[in-house]
């Protein structure tokens, strides 16, 4: 049993045994365990086009490049998994292109 499941069981048990909160515990559990509401798309990607995802961090909130690479990878993975786009350029491939042709990117 995972830590999350154990924690939920303890909270549920305390709510039922203590009598405090009664329905509030069930409402909290339902809100916590239910999937989030779907968010409607604001933009439809052209399926035949290649997509490049860049993490925009103008004030350097994220800071570490590995975090930006991982976020980009996860977004690309979601786009592929949900069949939103067929072709994507990975961050690693982009960096390879930039290293090979730095003068053309300026």
Protein backbone atom coordinates (compact mmCIF):
# COMPACT_ATOMS: atom_id res chain seq x y z
CA UNK A 1 0.00 0.00 0.00
CA UNK A 2 1.42 3.36 -0.98
CA UNK A 3 1.98 6.23 1.42
CA UNK A 4 -0.78 8.25 -0.24
CA UNK A 5 -3.32 5.45 0.20
CA UNK A 6 -2.29 4.94 3.82
CA UNK A 7 -2.62 8.66 4.49
CA UNK A 8 -6.07 8.78 2.89
CA UNK A 9 -7.21 5.79 4.94
CA UNK A 10 -5.97 7.40 8.17
CA UNK A 11 -7.73 10.68 7.35
CA UNK A 12 -10.92 8.83 6.49
CA UNK A 13 -10.75 6.77 9.66
CA UNK A 14 -10.08 9.82 11.86
CA UNK A 15 -12.98 11.65 10.23
CA UNK A 16 -15.38 8.79 10.84
CA UNK A 17 -14.18 7.96 14.36
CA UNK A 18 -13.81 11.51 15.59
CA UNK A 19 -17.17 12.60 14.32
CA UNK A 20 -15.62 15.94 13.42
CA UNK A 21 -16.03 16.95 9.85
CA UNK A 22 -18.15 13.91 8.88
CA UNK A 23 -19.24 14.84 5.38
CA UNK A 24 -16.33 17.23 4.93
CA UNK A 25 -13.93 14.28 4.87
CA UNK A 26 -15.89 12.60 2.10
CA UNK A 27 -16.10 15.87 0.16
CA UNK A 28 -12.35 16.36 0.51
CA UNK A 29 -11.66 12.79 -0.63
CA UNK A 30 -13.97 13.16 -3.61
CA UNK A 31 -12.35 16.45 -4.62
CA UNK A 32 -8.84 15.04 -4.17
CA UNK A 33 -9.39 11.77 -6.00
CA UNK A 34 -11.52 13.03 -8.89
CA UNK A 35 -9.74 13.86 -12.15
CA UNK A 36 -9.32 17.53 -13.03
CA UNK A 37 -11.81 19.16 -15.36
CA UNK A 38 -10.65 19.13 -19.01
CA UNK A 39 -9.33 22.45 -20.27
CA UNK A 40 -10.52 23.38 -23.76
CA UNK A 41 -7.77 23.90 -26.33
CA UNK A 42 -7.00 27.50 -27.26
CA UNK A 43 -4.99 26.57 -30.30
CA UNK A 44 -5.18 23.68 -32.75
CA UNK A 45 -1.80 22.52 -34.01
CA UNK A 46 -1.58 21.73 -37.71
CA UNK A 47 -1.01 17.95 -37.66
CA UNK A 48 1.39 17.90 -40.61
CA UNK A 49 3.66 20.66 -39.25
CA UNK A 50 6.76 20.10 -37.13
CA UNK A 51 6.52 21.58 -33.64
CA UNK A 52 9.34 23.06 -31.55
CA UNK A 53 8.62 23.52 -27.84
CA UNK A 54 10.80 26.01 -25.97
CA UNK A 55 10.41 26.79 -22.28
CA UNK A 56 10.01 30.57 -22.01
CA UNK A 57 11.76 31.71 -18.85
CA UNK A 58 12.64 35.39 -19.40
CA UNK A 59 13.23 36.21 -15.72
CA UNK A 60 15.06 32.94 -15.05
CA UNK A 61 12.55 31.52 -12.57
CA UNK A 62 13.42 27.92 -13.43
CA UNK A 63 17.14 28.63 -13.54
CA UNK A 64 18.63 25.20 -14.12
CA UNK A 65 18.87 24.10 -17.74
CA UNK A 66 18.22 20.41 -16.96
CA UNK A 67 14.81 21.39 -15.57
CA UNK A 68 13.99 23.28 -18.78
CA UNK A 69 15.11 20.29 -20.86
CA UNK A 70 12.95 17.94 -18.79
CA UNK A 71 9.91 20.21 -18.99
CA UNK A 72 10.34 20.44 -22.77
CA UNK A 73 10.66 16.65 -22.99
CA UNK A 74 7.50 16.12 -20.95
CA UNK A 75 5.50 18.60 -23.06
CA UNK A 76 6.69 16.87 -26.25
CA UNK A 77 5.73 13.52 -24.73
CA UNK A 78 2.21 14.77 -23.94
CA UNK A 79 1.81 16.17 -27.46
CA UNK A 80 2.83 12.83 -28.92
CA UNK A 81 0.78 10.73 -26.47
CA UNK A 82 -2.38 12.73 -27.14
CA UNK A 83 -1.73 12.65 -30.90
CA UNK A 84 -1.75 16.44 -31.14
CA UNK A 85 1.26 16.62 -33.45
CA UNK A 86 3.12 14.01 -35.45
CA UNK A 87 6.54 15.68 -35.64
CA UNK A 88 8.51 17.38 -32.89
CA UNK A 89 12.03 18.70 -32.55
CA UNK A 90 13.68 17.68 -29.30
CA UNK A 91 15.68 20.18 -27.23
CA UNK A 92 18.77 18.02 -27.74
CA UNK A 93 18.35 18.16 -31.52
CA UNK A 94 17.84 21.93 -31.40
CA UNK A 95 21.06 22.36 -29.44
CA UNK A 96 22.86 20.21 -32.03
CA UNK A 97 21.55 22.41 -34.84
CA UNK A 98 22.57 25.57 -32.95
CA UNK A 99 26.07 24.22 -32.34
CA UNK A 100 26.49 23.28 -36.00
CA UNK A 101 25.21 26.60 -37.40
CA UNK A 102 25.67 29.33 -34.74
CA UNK A 103 26.12 32.23 -37.19
CA UNK A 104 22.79 31.53 -38.90
CA UNK A 105 20.88 31.69 -35.60
CA UNK A 106 21.97 35.20 -34.66
